[in-house]
Amino acid sequence: MLTALRLATPADSPVLDDLLPESVRGLLVAACAEAAIAKGSTRLELMSTLPGVPFYAKLGFVRMTRAAHSTGGRLS
């Protein structure tokens, strides 16, 4: 039973991998895609961290561009 709930952050990625099997993550992405299609969307785009790229590739996503992000020299 869950006693506390908090939003996940990118730093949680290894933990989420252990807690949420890839099959479940795939079902979540599929549910989001189906909801978007039901609303009339014809294209689904997302951004991923590098460790997530293989997962999304297995689901059929293809890399269109590589985004660069700068923290201005600060860690956040």
PDB file of N, CA and C in Angstrom:
ATOM      1  N   MET A   1       0.844  -1.178   0.000  1.00  0.00           N
ATOM      2  CA  MET A   1       0.000   0.000   0.000  1.00  0.00           C
ATOM      3  C   MET A   1       0.890   1.242   0.000  1.00  0.00           C
ATOM      4  N   LEU A   2       0.525   2.245  -0.825  1.00  0.00           N
ATOM      5  CA  LEU A   2       1.258   3.500  -0.844  1.00  0.00           C
ATOM      6  C   LEU A   2       0.826   4.356   0.334  1.00  0.00           C
ATOM      7  N   THR A   3       1.809   4.901   1.020  1.00  0.00           N
ATOM      8  CA  THR A   3       1.473   5.784   2.128  1.00  0.00           C
ATOM      9  C   THR A   3       1.747   7.233   1.782  1.00  0.00           C
ATOM     10  N   ALA A   4       2.585   7.465   0.751  1.00  0.00           N
ATOM     11  CA  ALA A   4       2.900   8.826   0.346  1.00  0.00           C
ATOM     12  C   ALA A   4       3.077   8.838  -1.160  1.00  0.00           C
ATOM     13  N   LEU A   5       2.792   9.953  -1.782  1.00  0.00           N
ATOM     14  CA  LEU A   5       2.909  10.077  -3.221  1.00  0.00           C
ATOM     15  C   LEU A   5       3.545  11.413  -3.525  1.00  0.00           C
ATOM     16  N   ARG A   6       4.508  11.409  -4.427  1.00  0.00           N
ATOM     17  CA  ARG A   6       5.128  12.653  -4.866  1.00  0.00           C
ATOM     18  C   ARG A   6       5.377  12.566  -6.357  1.00  0.00           C
ATOM     19  N   LEU A   7       5.546  13.700  -7.004  1.00  0.00           N
ATOM     20  CA  LEU A   7       5.820  13.712  -8.431  1.00  0.00           C
ATOM     21  C   LEU A   7       7.236  13.227  -8.688  1.00  0.00           C
ATOM     22  N   ALA A   8       7.414  12.499  -9.763  1.00  0.00           N
ATOM     23  CA  ALA A   8       8.734  12.012 -10.141  1.00  0.00           C
ATOM     24  C   ALA A   8       9.545  13.145 -10.765  1.00  0.00           C
ATOM     25  N   THR A   9      10.843  13.055 -10.635  1.00  0.00           N
ATOM     26  CA  THR A   9      11.773  13.994 -11.259  1.00  0.00           C
ATOM     27  C   THR A   9      12.723  13.191 -12.133  1.00  0.00           C
ATOM     28  N   PRO A  10      13.473  13.856 -13.039  1.00  0.00           N
ATOM     29  CA  PRO A  10      14.432  13.118 -13.857  1.00  0.00           C
ATOM     30  C   PRO A  10      15.429  12.316 -13.036  1.00  0.00           C
ATOM     31  N   ALA A  11      15.765  12.785 -11.856  1.00  0.00           N
ATOM     32  CA  ALA A  11      16.703  12.060 -11.006  1.00  0.00           C
ATOM     33  C   ALA A  11      16.134  10.723 -10.539  1.00  0.00           C
ATOM     34  N   ASP A  12      14.819  10.558 -10.621  1.00  0.00           N
ATOM     35  CA  ASP A  12      14.173   9.315 -10.200  1.00  0.00           C
ATOM     36  C   ASP A  12      14.225   8.224 -11.263  1.00  0.00           C
ATOM     37  N   SER A  13      14.736   8.525 -12.438  1.00  0.00           N
ATOM     38  CA  SER A  13      14.664   7.591 -13.551  1.00  0.00           C
ATOM     39  C   SER A  13      15.102   6.170 -13.208  1.00  0.00           C
ATOM     40  N   PRO A  14      16.251   5.943 -12.571  1.00  0.00           N
ATOM     41  CA  PRO A  14      16.601   4.553 -12.248  1.00  0.00           C
ATOM     42  C   PRO A  14      15.594   3.905 -11.304  1.00  0.00           C
ATOM     43  N   VAL A  15      15.067   4.679 -10.382  1.00  0.00           N
ATOM     44  CA  VAL A  15      14.078   4.143  -9.445  1.00  0.00           C
ATOM     45  C   VAL A  15      12.802   3.785 -10.180  1.00  0.00           C
ATOM     46  N   LEU A  16      12.357   4.662 -11.069  1.00  0.00           N
ATOM     47  CA  LEU A  16      11.146   4.388 -11.830  1.00  0.00           C
ATOM     48  C   LEU A  16      11.322   3.152 -12.701  1.00  0.00           C
ATOM     49  N   ASP A  17      12.515   2.960 -13.247  1.00  0.00           N
ATOM     50  CA  ASP A  17      12.767   1.761 -14.053  1.00  0.00           C
ATOM     51  C   ASP A  17      12.550   0.507 -13.225  1.00  0.00           C
ATOM     52  N   ASP A  18      12.930   0.539 -11.959  1.00  0.00           N
ATOM     53  CA  ASP A  18      12.750  -0.618 -11.088  1.00  0.00           C
ATOM     54  C   ASP A  18      11.296  -0.802 -10.678  1.00  0.00           C
ATOM     55  N   LEU A  19      10.584   0.293 -10.466  1.00  0.00           N
ATOM     56  CA  LEU A  19       9.215   0.217  -9.964  1.00  0.00           C
ATOM     57  C   LEU A  19       8.174   0.022 -11.052  1.00  0.00           C
ATOM     58  N   LEU A  20       8.452   0.502 -12.236  1.00  0.00           N
ATOM     59  CA  LEU A  20       7.471   0.483 -13.311  1.00  0.00           C
ATOM     60  C   LEU A  20       8.038  -0.277 -14.500  1.00  0.00           C
ATOM     61  N   PRO A  21       7.632  -1.521 -14.696  1.00  0.00           N
ATOM     62  CA  PRO A  21       8.177  -2.317 -15.795  1.00  0.00           C
ATOM     63  C   PRO A  21       7.975  -1.637 -17.140  1.00  0.00           C
ATOM     64  N   GLU A  22       8.849  -1.948 -18.082  1.00  0.00           N
ATOM     65  CA  GLU A  22       8.782  -1.346 -19.405  1.00  0.00           C
ATOM     66  C   GLU A  22       7.421  -1.576 -20.054  1.00  0.00           C
ATOM     67  N   SER A  23       6.825  -2.728 -19.827  1.00  0.00           N
ATOM     68  CA  SER A  23       5.521  -3.007 -20.423  1.00  0.00           C
ATOM     69  C   SER A  23       4.460  -2.033 -19.915  1.00  0.00           C
ATOM     70  N   VAL A  24       4.524  -1.683 -18.648  1.00  0.00           N
ATOM     71  CA  VAL A  24       3.558  -0.741 -18.082  1.00  0.00           C
ATOM     72  C   VAL A  24       3.815   0.655 -18.633  1.00  0.00           C
ATOM     73  N   ARG A  25       5.090   1.029 -18.729  1.00  0.00           N
ATOM     74  CA  ARG A  25       5.415   2.340 -19.301  1.00  0.00           C
ATOM     75  C   ARG A  25       4.910   2.420 -20.740  1.00  0.00           C
ATOM     76  N   GLY A  26       5.035   1.328 -21.480  1.00  0.00           N
ATOM     77  CA  GLY A  26       4.537   1.300 -22.853  1.00  0.00           C
ATOM     78  C   GLY A  26       3.029   1.471 -22.914  1.00  0.00           C
ATOM     79  N   LEU A  27       2.333   0.846 -21.976  1.00  0.00           N
ATOM     80  CA  LEU A  27       0.873   1.002 -21.927  1.00  0.00           C
ATOM     81  C   LEU A  27       0.482   2.446 -21.618  1.00  0.00           C
ATOM     82  N   LEU A  28       1.244   3.109 -20.764  1.00  0.00           N
ATOM     83  CA  LEU A  28       0.957   4.513 -20.448  1.00  0.00           C
ATOM     84  C   LEU A  28       1.136   5.395 -21.680  1.00  0.00           C
ATOM     85  N   VAL A  29       2.222   5.158 -22.419  1.00  0.00           N
ATOM     86  CA  VAL A  29       2.448   5.941 -23.641  1.00  0.00           C
ATOM     87  C   VAL A  29       1.338   5.649 -24.649  1.00  0.00           C
ATOM     88  N   ALA A  30       0.953   4.391 -24.790  1.00  0.00           N
ATOM     89  CA  ALA A  30      -0.117   4.030 -25.720  1.00  0.00           C
ATOM     90  C   ALA A  30      -1.436   4.696 -25.333  1.00  0.00           C
ATOM     91  N   ALA A  31      -1.730   4.744 -24.044  1.00  0.00           N
ATOM     92  CA  ALA A  31      -2.965   5.391 -23.591  1.00  0.00           C
ATOM     93  C   ALA A  31      -2.946   6.881 -23.921  1.00  0.00           C
ATOM     94  N   CYS A  32      -1.801   7.513 -23.750  1.00  0.00           N
ATOM     95  CA  CYS A  32      -1.686   8.938 -24.095  1.00  0.00           C
ATOM     96  C   CYS A  32      -1.865   9.146 -25.592  1.00  0.00           C
ATOM     97  N   ALA A  33      -1.259   8.271 -26.390  1.00  0.00           N
ATOM     98  CA  ALA A  33      -1.385   8.378 -27.846  1.00  0.00           C
ATOM     99  C   ALA A  33      -2.834   8.176 -28.279  1.00  0.00           C
ATOM    100  N   GLU A  34      -3.500   7.189 -27.708  1.00  0.00           N
ATOM    101  CA  GLU A  34      -4.902   6.940 -28.048  1.00  0.00           C
ATOM    102  C   GLU A  34      -5.782   8.123 -27.673  1.00  0.00           C
ATOM    103  N   ALA A  35      -5.507   8.736 -26.532  1.00  0.00           N
ATOM    104  CA  ALA A  35      -6.292   9.906 -26.120  1.00  0.00           C
ATOM    105  C   ALA A  35      -6.056  11.071 -27.081  1.00  0.00           C
ATOM    106  N   ALA A  36      -4.819  11.242 -27.523  1.00  0.00           N
ATOM    107  CA  ALA A  36      -4.514  12.322 -28.466  1.00  0.00           C
ATOM    108  C   ALA A  36      -5.207  12.085 -29.804  1.00  0.00           C
ATOM    109  N   ILE A  37      -5.178  10.837 -30.272  1.00  0.00           N
ATOM    110  CA  ILE A  37      -5.854  10.495 -31.526  1.00  0.00           C
ATOM    111  C   ILE A  37      -7.355  10.741 -31.404  1.00  0.00           C
ATOM    112  N   ALA A  38      -7.930  10.374 -30.279  1.00  0.00           N
ATOM    113  CA  ALA A  38      -9.363  10.582 -30.059  1.00  0.00           C
ATOM    114  C   ALA A  38      -9.731  12.062 -30.099  1.00  0.00           C
ATOM    115  N   LYS A  39      -8.776  12.921 -29.752  1.00  0.00           N
ATOM    116  CA  LYS A  39      -9.016  14.374 -29.781  1.00  0.00           C
ATOM    117  C   LYS A  39      -8.690  14.975 -31.145  1.00  0.00           C
ATOM    118  N   GLY A  40      -8.276  14.124 -32.101  1.00  0.00           N
ATOM    119  CA  GLY A  40      -8.016  14.620 -33.446  1.00  0.00           C
ATOM    120  C   GLY A  40      -6.554  14.842 -33.793  1.00  0.00           C
ATOM    121  N   SER A  41      -5.656  14.517 -32.899  1.00  0.00           N
ATOM    122  CA  SER A  41      -4.231  14.694 -33.206  1.00  0.00           C
ATOM    123  C   SER A  41      -3.790  13.687 -34.250  1.00  0.00           C
ATOM    124  N   THR A  42      -2.915  14.138 -35.129  1.00  0.00           N
ATOM    125  CA  THR A  42      -2.368  13.246 -36.155  1.00  0.00           C
ATOM    126  C   THR A  42      -0.867  13.050 -35.992  1.00  0.00           C
ATOM    127  N   ARG A  43      -0.289  13.698 -34.995  1.00  0.00           N
ATOM    128  CA  ARG A  43       1.153  13.620 -34.768  1.00  0.00           C
ATOM    129  C   ARG A  43       1.415  13.690 -33.270  1.00  0.00           C
ATOM    130  N   LEU A  44       2.326  12.879 -32.803  1.00  0.00           N
ATOM    131  CA  LEU A  44       2.680  12.860 -31.386  1.00  0.00           C
ATOM    132  C   LEU A  44       4.173  13.102 -31.267  1.00  0.00           C
ATOM    133  N   GLU A  45       4.551  14.155 -30.553  1.00  0.00           N
ATOM    134  CA  GLU A  45       5.959  14.477 -30.352  1.00  0.00           C
ATOM    135  C   GLU A  45       6.260  14.456 -28.869  1.00  0.00           C
ATOM    136  N   LEU A  46       7.484  14.098 -28.542  1.00  0.00           N
ATOM    137  CA  LEU A  46       7.892  14.122 -27.146  1.00  0.00           C
ATOM    138  C   LEU A  46       9.361  14.466 -27.058  1.00  0.00           C
ATOM    139  N   MET A  47       9.785  14.805 -25.862  1.00  0.00           N
ATOM    140  CA  MET A  47      11.203  15.009 -25.571  1.00  0.00           C
ATOM    141  C   MET A  47      11.592  13.959 -24.549  1.00  0.00           C
ATOM    142  N   SER A  48      12.805  13.465 -24.671  1.00  0.00           N
ATOM    143  CA  SER A  48      13.269  12.412 -23.777  1.00  0.00           C
ATOM    144  C   SER A  48      14.687  12.715 -23.334  1.00  0.00           C
ATOM    145  N   THR A  49      15.034  12.204 -22.184  1.00  0.00           N
ATOM    146  CA  THR A  49      16.432  12.210 -21.793  1.00  0.00           C
ATOM    147  C   THR A  49      17.128  11.117 -22.608  1.00  0.00           C
ATOM    148  N   LEU A  50      18.436  11.172 -22.720  1.00  0.00           N
ATOM    149  CA  LEU A  50      19.154  10.176 -23.512  1.00  0.00           C
ATOM    150  C   LEU A  50      18.889   8.738 -23.058  1.00  0.00           C
ATOM    151  N   PRO A  51      18.817   8.461 -21.748  1.00  0.00           N
ATOM    152  CA  PRO A  51      18.531   7.078 -21.356  1.00  0.00           C
ATOM    153  C   PRO A  51      17.160   6.582 -21.819  1.00  0.00           C
ATOM    154  N   GLY A  52      16.239   7.489 -22.098  1.00  0.00           N
ATOM    155  CA  GLY A  52      14.909   7.094 -22.529  1.00  0.00           C
ATOM    156  C   GLY A  52      14.789   6.832 -24.023  1.00  0.00           C
ATOM    157  N   VAL A  53      15.793   7.236 -24.804  1.00  0.00           N
ATOM    158  CA  VAL A  53      15.717   7.105 -26.263  1.00  0.00           C
ATOM    159  C   VAL A  53      15.479   5.660 -26.711  1.00  0.00           C
ATOM    160  N   PRO A  54      16.204   4.667 -26.200  1.00  0.00           N
ATOM    161  CA  PRO A  54      15.946   3.286 -26.649  1.00  0.00           C
ATOM    162  C   PRO A  54      14.521   2.815 -26.343  1.00  0.00           C
ATOM    163  N   PHE A  55      14.000   3.217 -25.203  1.00  0.00           N
ATOM    164  CA  PHE A  55      12.630   2.834 -24.842  1.00  0.00           C
ATOM    165  C   PHE A  55      11.633   3.373 -25.867  1.00  0.00           C
ATOM    166  N   TYR A  56      11.736   4.662 -26.182  1.00  0.00           N
ATOM    167  CA  TYR A  56      10.795   5.251 -27.132  1.00  0.00           C
ATOM    168  C   TYR A  56      11.017   4.709 -28.540  1.00  0.00           C
ATOM    169  N   ALA A  57      12.245   4.386 -28.899  1.00  0.00           N
ATOM    170  CA  ALA A  57      12.521   3.782 -30.208  1.00  0.00           C
ATOM    171  C   ALA A  57      11.802   2.441 -30.336  1.00  0.00           C
ATOM    172  N   LYS A  58      11.763   1.655 -29.252  1.00  0.00           N
ATOM    173  CA  LYS A  58      11.047   0.368 -29.275  1.00  0.00           C
ATOM    174  C   LYS A  58       9.563   0.569 -29.525  1.00  0.00           C
ATOM    175  N   LEU A  59       9.046   1.726 -29.144  1.00  0.00           N
ATOM    176  CA  LEU A  59       7.622   2.015 -29.335  1.00  0.00           C
ATOM    177  C   LEU A  59       7.340   2.608 -30.713  1.00  0.00           C
ATOM    178  N   GLY A  60       8.387   2.797 -31.514  1.00  0.00           N
ATOM    179  CA  GLY A  60       8.203   3.300 -32.866  1.00  0.00           C
ATOM    180  C   GLY A  60       8.490   4.778 -33.062  1.00  0.00           C
ATOM    181  N   PHE A  61       8.872   5.478 -32.001  1.00  0.00           N
ATOM    182  CA  PHE A  61       9.231   6.882 -32.144  1.00  0.00           C
ATOM    183  C   PHE A  61      10.577   6.984 -32.852  1.00  0.00           C
ATOM    184  N   VAL A  62      10.747   8.026 -33.653  1.00  0.00           N
ATOM    185  CA  VAL A  62      12.020   8.259 -34.336  1.00  0.00           C
ATOM    186  C   VAL A  62      12.539   9.632 -33.953  1.00  0.00           C
ATOM    187  N   ARG A  63      13.854   9.739 -33.869  1.00  0.00           N
ATOM    188  CA  ARG A  63      14.466  11.019 -33.504  1.00  0.00           C
ATOM    189  C   ARG A  63      14.372  11.969 -34.683  1.00  0.00           C
ATOM    190  N   MET A  64      13.778  13.122 -34.445  1.00  0.00           N
ATOM    191  CA  MET A  64      13.648  14.141 -35.481  1.00  0.00           C
ATOM    192  C   MET A  64      14.783  15.157 -35.359  1.00  0.00           C
ATOM    193  N   THR A  65      15.007  15.632 -34.150  1.00  0.00           N
ATOM    194  CA  THR A  65      16.090  16.574 -33.884  1.00  0.00           C
ATOM    195  C   THR A  65      16.636  16.267 -32.504  1.00  0.00           C
ATOM    196  N   ARG A  66      17.788  16.785 -32.243  1.00  0.00           N
ATOM    197  CA  ARG A  66      18.351  16.649 -30.906  1.00  0.00           C
ATOM    198  C   ARG A  66      18.330  18.024 -30.262  1.00  0.00           C
ATOM    199  N   ALA A  67      17.647  18.131 -29.141  1.00  0.00           N
ATOM    200  CA  ALA A  67      17.528  19.418 -28.446  1.00  0.00           C
ATOM    201  C   ALA A  67      18.720  19.624 -27.535  1.00  0.00           C
ATOM    202  N   ALA A  68      19.098  20.857 -27.402  1.00  0.00           N
ATOM    203  CA  ALA A  68      20.167  21.213 -26.470  1.00  0.00           C
ATOM    204  C   ALA A  68      19.576  22.062 -25.367  1.00  0.00           C
ATOM    205  N   HIS A  69      19.988  21.804 -24.168  1.00  0.00           N
ATOM    206  CA  HIS A  69      19.481  22.571 -23.027  1.00  0.00           C
ATOM    207  C   HIS A  69      20.664  23.082 -22.234  1.00  0.00           C
ATOM    208  N   SER A  70      20.624  24.317 -21.876  1.00  0.00           N
ATOM    209  CA  SER A  70      21.690  24.909 -21.071  1.00  0.00           C
ATOM    210  C   SER A  70      21.111  25.424 -19.771  1.00  0.00           C
ATOM    211  N   THR A  71      21.838  25.180 -18.698  1.00  0.00           N
ATOM    212  CA  THR A  71      21.415  25.710 -17.405  1.00  0.00           C
ATOM    213  C   THR A  71      22.148  27.000 -17.091  1.00  0.00           C
ATOM    214  N   GLY A  72      22.837  27.539 -18.092  1.00  0.00           N
ATOM    215  CA  GLY A  72      23.566  28.792 -17.878  1.00  0.00           C
ATOM    216  C   GLY A  72      24.725  28.614 -16.912  1.00  0.00           C
ATOM    217  N   GLY A  73      25.288  27.422 -16.870  1.00  0.00           N
ATOM    218  CA  GLY A  73      26.404  27.152 -15.981  1.00  0.00           C
ATOM    219  C   GLY A  73      25.991  26.803 -14.575  1.00  0.00           C
ATOM    220  N   ARG A  74      24.693  26.813 -14.299  1.00  0.00           N
ATOM    221  CA  ARG A  74      24.188  26.483 -12.972  1.00  0.00           C
ATOM    222  C   ARG A  74      23.584  25.084 -13.006  1.00  0.00           C
ATOM    223  N   LEU A  75      23.744  24.390 -11.940  1.00  0.00           N
ATOM    224  CA  LEU A  75      23.063  23.112 -11.810  1.00  0.00           C
ATOM    225  C   LEU A  75      21.718  23.363 -11.186  1.00  0.00           C
ATOM    226  N   SER A  76      20.702  22.712 -11.707  1.00  0.00           N
ATOM    227  CA  SER A  76      19.379  22.915 -11.112  1.00  0.00           C
ATOM    228  C   SER A  76      18.824  21.630 -10.597  1.00  0.00           C
TER     229      SER A  76
END
